[in-house]
Protein backbone atom coordinates (compact mmCIF):
# COMPACT_ATOMS: atom_id res chain seq x y z
CA MET A 1 -3.29 9.89 -1.35
CA SER A 2 0.37 10.15 -2.45
CA GLY A 3 1.01 7.99 -5.53
CA ARG A 4 4.15 6.58 -3.95
CA TYR A 5 2.19 4.74 -1.29
CA ASP A 6 -1.18 4.43 -3.04
CA LYS A 7 -0.63 1.04 -4.70
CA ILE A 8 0.80 -0.67 -1.62
CA LEU A 9 -1.80 0.81 0.73
CA LYS A 10 -4.72 -0.10 -1.52
CA GLU A 11 -3.41 -3.62 -2.08
CA SER A 12 -2.96 -4.13 1.65
CA LEU A 13 -6.15 -2.41 2.71
CA ARG A 14 -8.41 -4.19 0.25
CA GLY A 15 -8.00 -7.39 2.24
CA VAL A 16 -8.37 -5.83 5.69
CA LEU A 17 -11.45 -3.66 5.28
CA HIS A 18 -13.47 -6.09 7.41
CA VAL A 19 -11.05 -5.48 10.30
CA LEU A 20 -11.36 -1.69 9.97
CA VAL A 21 -15.15 -1.93 9.68
CA SER A 22 -15.71 -4.27 12.63
CA GLU A 23 -12.79 -3.64 15.00
CA VAL A 24 -11.89 0.01 14.39
CA LEU A 25 -15.23 1.51 13.37
CA GLY A 26 -17.27 -0.86 15.56
CA ILE A 27 -19.82 -1.62 12.84
CA LYS A 28 -21.69 -4.89 13.43
CA ALA A 29 -22.71 -5.69 9.86
CA LYS A 30 -24.95 -8.49 8.68
CA SER A 31 -23.20 -8.29 5.28
CA ILE A 32 -20.62 -6.11 3.52
CA LYS A 33 -20.70 -5.74 -0.26
CA PRO A 34 -17.97 -3.91 -2.26
CA LEU A 35 -19.32 -1.30 -4.69
CA LYS A 36 -17.79 0.22 -7.81
CA THR A 37 -15.61 3.16 -6.79
CA LYS A 38 -15.78 5.18 -10.01
CA LEU A 39 -18.47 7.83 -9.67
CA GLN A 40 -19.57 9.65 -12.81
CA VAL A 41 -22.10 12.42 -12.61
CA THR A 42 -20.97 15.47 -14.62
CA ASP A 43 -17.32 14.55 -14.16
CA GLU A 44 -15.67 11.36 -12.92
CA ARG A 45 -14.19 10.70 -9.50
CA GLU A 46 -12.79 7.54 -8.00
CA ALA A 47 -13.09 6.87 -4.29
CA ASP A 48 -10.62 4.65 -2.44
CA PHE A 49 -13.26 2.20 -1.16
CA LEU A 50 -17.05 2.03 -1.21
CA LEU A 51 -18.89 -0.68 0.72
CA GLU A 52 -22.58 -1.39 1.02
CA ILE A 53 -23.18 -2.14 4.70
CA THR A 54 -26.28 -4.14 5.65
CA LEU A 55 -27.04 -4.14 9.38
CA GLN A 56 -28.75 -6.78 11.46
CA ASP A 57 -32.12 -5.02 11.09
CA SER A 58 -31.65 -5.21 7.26
CA SER A 59 -31.21 -1.45 6.88
CA SER A 60 -28.28 -0.48 4.67
CA TYR A 61 -26.01 2.41 3.77
CA VAL A 62 -22.86 3.12 1.76
CA LEU A 63 -19.61 3.31 3.74
CA HIS A 64 -17.06 5.52 1.96
CA ILE A 65 -13.45 5.05 3.12
CA GLU A 66 -10.57 7.28 2.02
CA PHE A 67 -6.89 7.13 2.99
CA GLN A 68 -4.72 10.22 3.09
CA ALA A 69 -0.94 10.44 3.56
CA THR A 70 -0.66 14.26 3.67
CA ASN A 71 -2.60 17.08 5.28
CA ASP A 72 -4.89 18.67 2.68
CA SER A 73 -6.74 21.83 3.67
CA ASN A 74 -9.27 21.16 0.89
CA MET A 75 -10.14 17.69 2.20
CA PRO A 76 -13.55 18.66 3.64
CA TYR A 77 -14.62 19.94 0.22
CA ARG A 78 -13.25 16.83 -1.52
CA MET A 79 -15.21 14.65 0.88
CA LEU A 80 -18.34 16.75 0.32
CA ARG A 81 -18.06 16.25 -3.46
CA TYR A 82 -17.69 12.51 -2.91
CA ARG A 83 -20.75 12.58 -0.65
CA ILE A 84 -22.88 14.23 -3.32
CA TYR A 85 -21.69 11.85 -6.05
CA ILE A 86 -22.23 8.75 -3.90
CA ASN A 87 -25.75 9.87 -2.96
CA GLN A 88 -26.59 10.50 -6.60
CA THR A 89 -25.04 7.22 -7.80
CA TYR A 90 -26.40 4.81 -5.19
CA GLY A 91 -29.36 6.64 -3.67
CA LYS A 92 -28.56 5.44 -0.13
CA PRO A 93 -27.51 7.06 3.15
CA VAL A 94 -23.74 7.59 3.28
CA LYS A 95 -21.21 7.36 6.11
CA GLN A 96 -17.72 8.71 5.38
CA VAL A 97 -14.45 7.93 7.15
CA LEU A 98 -11.01 9.32 6.32
CA PHE A 99 -8.04 7.33 7.68
CA TYR A 100 -4.95 9.51 8.03
CA VAL A 101 -1.63 7.65 7.60
CA GLY A 102 0.77 10.59 7.22
CA ARG A 103 3.93 11.28 9.21
CA GLU A 104 3.01 14.88 10.13
CA PRO A 105 0.54 15.55 12.96
CA LEU A 106 -3.06 15.51 11.77
CA ARG A 107 -4.23 19.05 10.98
CA MET A 108 -7.20 18.49 8.64
CA LYS A 109 -10.70 19.53 9.62
CA SER A 110 -13.54 17.02 9.52
CA TYR A 111 -16.29 19.52 8.88
CA ILE A 112 -17.50 22.53 6.92
CA LYS A 113 -19.50 25.14 8.79
CA ASP A 114 -20.56 27.96 6.52
CA GLU A 115 -23.65 30.06 5.99
CA ASN A 116 -26.45 27.67 4.99
CA LEU A 117 -24.04 24.73 4.88
CA ALA A 118 -23.09 22.23 7.58
CA PHE A 119 -21.18 19.06 6.64
CA GLU A 120 -19.23 16.50 8.69
CA TYR A 121 -17.32 13.26 8.24
CA ASP A 122 -15.09 11.17 10.53
CA ILE A 123 -11.29 11.31 10.58
CA ILE A 124 -9.26 8.57 12.27
CA ASP A 125 -5.50 8.97 12.70
CA PHE A 126 -3.88 5.55 12.25
CA ARG A 127 -1.59 6.45 15.17
CA SER A 128 -4.60 6.15 17.46
CA ILE A 129 -5.15 2.48 16.51
CA ASP A 130 -3.55 -0.22 18.67
CA CYS A 131 -0.95 -1.98 16.48
CA GLU A 132 -1.80 -5.34 18.10
CA LYS A 133 -5.01 -5.38 16.02
CA PHE A 134 -2.77 -5.97 13.00
CA ILE A 135 0.28 -7.73 14.44
CA SER A 136 -1.86 -10.59 15.72
CA SER A 137 -3.42 -11.16 12.29
CA ASN A 138 -2.76 -14.29 10.21
CA THR A 139 -2.96 -12.22 7.02
CA PRO A 140 0.35 -10.57 6.00
CA ALA A 141 -1.44 -7.69 4.24
CA GLU A 142 -2.96 -6.82 7.62
CA VAL A 143 0.27 -7.41 9.55
CA ILE A 144 2.30 -4.79 7.66
CA LEU A 145 -0.26 -2.07 8.48
CA GLY A 146 0.87 -2.37 12.10
CA ILE A 147 3.85 -0.14 11.22
CA LEU A 148 1.41 2.79 10.87
CA CYS A 149 -0.32 2.32 14.22
CA ASN A 150 0.26 3.20 17.88
CA PHE A 151 3.24 1.29 19.36
CA ALA A 152 2.92 2.55 22.93
CA PRO A 153 4.18 1.49 25.37
CA GLU A 154 6.58 -0.71 23.36
CA ASP A 155 9.82 0.39 21.72
CA ASP A 156 9.95 0.83 17.92
CA THR A 157 12.52 -1.95 17.56
CA ILE A 158 10.41 -4.48 19.47
CA VAL A 159 7.37 -3.76 17.30
CA ILE A 160 9.39 -3.98 14.07
CA LYS A 161 10.76 -7.37 15.17
CA LYS A 162 7.22 -8.55 15.91
CA LEU A 163 6.05 -7.44 12.47
CA LEU A 164 8.93 -9.20 10.70
CA ASN A 165 8.39 -12.36 12.74
CA ARG A 166 4.70 -12.37 11.82
CA ILE A 167 5.60 -12.04 8.13
CA MET A 168 7.95 -15.01 8.53
CA GLU A 169 5.23 -17.01 10.29
CA THR A 170 2.39 -16.19 7.91
CA VAL A 171 4.27 -16.34 4.57
CA LYS A 172 6.23 -19.53 3.95
CA GLU A 173 7.13 -18.92 0.30
CA GLU A 174 10.28 -16.79 -0.05
CA VAL A 175 9.20 -14.56 -2.94
CA GLY A 176 5.94 -13.67 -1.19
CA ARG A 177 7.79 -13.01 2.04
CA LEU A 178 10.14 -10.61 0.27
CA LYS A 179 7.17 -8.79 -1.26
CA TYR A 180 5.66 -8.03 2.16
CA ILE A 181 9.02 -7.06 3.64
CA ARG A 182 9.53 -4.59 0.78
CA GLN A 183 6.03 -3.21 1.34
CA LEU A 184 6.73 -2.88 5.05
CA GLU A 185 9.88 -0.90 4.25
CA VAL A 186 7.94 1.52 2.04
CA LEU A 187 5.14 2.04 4.57
CA ALA A 188 7.78 2.56 7.28
CA GLN A 189 8.80 5.75 5.46
CA LEU A 190 5.50 7.26 6.60
CA ARG A 191 6.79 6.90 10.17
CA ASP A 192 10.49 7.63 9.45
CA LEU A 193 11.26 4.02 10.37
CA GLN A 194 12.54 2.60 7.08
CA GLU A 195 16.16 2.58 8.27
CA ASN A 196 15.13 0.73 11.45
CA VAL A 197 13.23 -1.86 9.43
CA CYS A 198 16.17 -2.40 7.07
CA LYS A 199 18.53 -2.92 10.03
CA GLU A 200 16.26 -5.54 11.59
CA VAL A 201 15.84 -7.30 8.24
CA SER A 202 19.65 -7.59 8.01
CA LYS A 203 19.98 -8.83 11.59
CA MET A 204 17.32 -11.48 11.09
CA ALA A 205 18.99 -12.83 7.93
CA LEU A 206 15.92 -12.11 5.81
CA VAL A 207 17.91 -11.03 2.76
CA TYR A 208 16.56 -13.06 -0.13
CA ASP A 209 18.85 -15.01 -2.48
CA ILE A 210 17.43 -14.07 -5.86
CA GLU A 211 19.61 -16.60 -7.69
CA ARG A 212 17.62 -19.48 -6.18
CA ASP A 213 14.22 -18.21 -7.28
CA VAL A 214 12.65 -20.43 -9.95
CA ARG A 215 10.37 -17.73 -11.37
CA TYR A 216 13.30 -15.36 -11.71
CA LYS A 217 15.33 -17.99 -13.56
CA GLN A 218 12.44 -18.81 -15.87
CA GLY A 219 11.95 -15.15 -16.74
CA MET A 220 15.65 -14.71 -17.40
CA GLU A 221 15.86 -17.76 -19.64
CA LYS A 222 13.05 -16.94 -22.09
CA GLY A 223 15.52 -15.41 -24.57
CA ILE A 224 13.10 -13.17 -26.45
CA GLU A 225 12.65 -9.47 -25.90
CA LYS A 226 9.27 -9.80 -24.15
CA GLY A 227 10.63 -12.55 -21.95
CA LEU A 228 13.75 -10.52 -21.21
CA LEU A 229 11.69 -7.52 -20.16
CA GLU A 230 9.50 -9.69 -17.92
CA GLY A 231 12.56 -11.33 -16.39
CA ILE A 232 14.31 -8.00 -15.90
CA GLU A 233 11.23 -6.48 -14.25
CA LEU A 234 10.91 -9.44 -11.89
CA GLY A 235 14.62 -9.36 -11.12
CA LEU A 236 14.58 -5.63 -10.35
CA GLU A 237 11.56 -6.02 -8.04
CA LEU A 238 12.95 -8.99 -6.16
CA LYS A 239 16.44 -7.59 -5.68
CA TYR A 240 15.82 -3.85 -5.35
CA GLY A 241 12.08 -3.40 -4.69
CA LEU A 242 10.40 -0.16 -5.78
CA ALA A 243 13.75 1.53 -6.46
CA GLY A 244 14.47 -1.16 -9.05
CA LEU A 245 11.03 -1.02 -10.67
CA GLU A 246 11.46 2.72 -11.22
CA LEU A 247 14.13 1.86 -13.82
CA MET A 248 11.73 -0.07 -16.10
CA ASN A 249 10.71 2.98 -18.15
CA ILE A 250 14.35 3.47 -19.09
CA VAL A 251 14.90 -0.27 -19.67
CA ARG A 252 12.01 -0.39 -22.16
CA ALA A 253 13.79 2.25 -24.24
CA ILE A 254 16.75 -0.11 -24.86
CA SER A 255 16.55 -0.99 -28.56
CA THR A 256 18.60 -4.20 -28.83
CA VAL A 257 18.28 -7.67 -27.33
CA ASP A 258 22.04 -7.76 -26.75
CA LYS A 259 21.86 -4.69 -24.49
CA LEU A 260 18.90 -6.20 -22.62
CA GLU A 261 20.90 -9.41 -22.11
CA GLU A 262 23.83 -7.36 -20.83
CA PHE A 263 21.56 -5.49 -18.41
CA LYS A 264 19.95 -8.74 -17.30
CA ASN A 265 23.36 -10.15 -16.37
CA LEU A 266 24.28 -6.92 -14.59
CA ILE A 267 21.27 -7.26 -12.26
CA ARG A 268 22.83 -10.42 -10.83
CA LYS A 269 26.23 -8.82 -10.28
CA ALA A 270 25.39 -5.22 -9.34
CA GLY A 271 25.73 -4.18 -5.73
CA SER A 272 23.42 -1.18 -5.98
CA VAL A 273 20.77 0.54 -8.09
CA TYR A 274 23.36 3.23 -8.82
CA GLU A 275 25.42 0.76 -10.91
CA LEU A 276 22.32 -0.10 -12.93
CA LYS A 277 21.52 3.57 -13.50
CA GLU A 278 25.07 4.16 -14.68
CA PHE A 279 24.73 1.36 -17.25
CA LEU A 280 21.37 2.62 -18.46
CA GLY A 281 22.73 6.14 -18.84
CA LYS A 282 25.27 4.86 -21.36
CA SER A 283 22.89 2.47 -23.16
CA VAL A 284 19.87 4.62 -23.96
């Protein structure tokens, strides 16, 4: 999966696997147990999610779930390698599902048919999932996944408003609310809807006042280099999201506390990430 979306998707999906297992895959499990995802046989691979599924009759198997944001012609062979490693590691039957979340139409094959080799796994395009499964959730990590699903017959704008309203209803604390709105914006890029989301955020007066945030103030007031870096990182995330966090590698190269203090103050005043980049270009 693309590194740009990997962290947000995994963070969101970790808490909603039960919904995908029960509602989307239709598995009626007696219990679901997370398994270690690092698989080391002769080399090491890390799956997205591995779950031990125990059914009502007490039989069990390993459910392997992968998420993919781009079409990869080698995906069947990647899934086959995972299948072999999982079998060797856990010694149980394996069911594999690939969820496709990309913006391009799904073109990947779900099978290999070759001489003396037949292999299959399931592929589910997130666009085929009814977005109401996620919008109606009381868990914000589930709610934001609705942006990747099937909106029909509703208009994009109506669905985006519903998603934002659910974030407002399920997250009362402002910093947490901003976090999920930022994540929604990033996931919206996979559907070319980020601009639409940003417009609705502005209309609904969801722009967060960073100056009132206690944690931000505490980080900014520590006065030592470590505290400054923590405060700067928090400030960049709260005010500019992922675009701000991308500057931290450059910020860490600043050699003096005075320059860090100057940059810290600039975060409050700057109107765009471009102004921050301009400052960093002169300071490092």
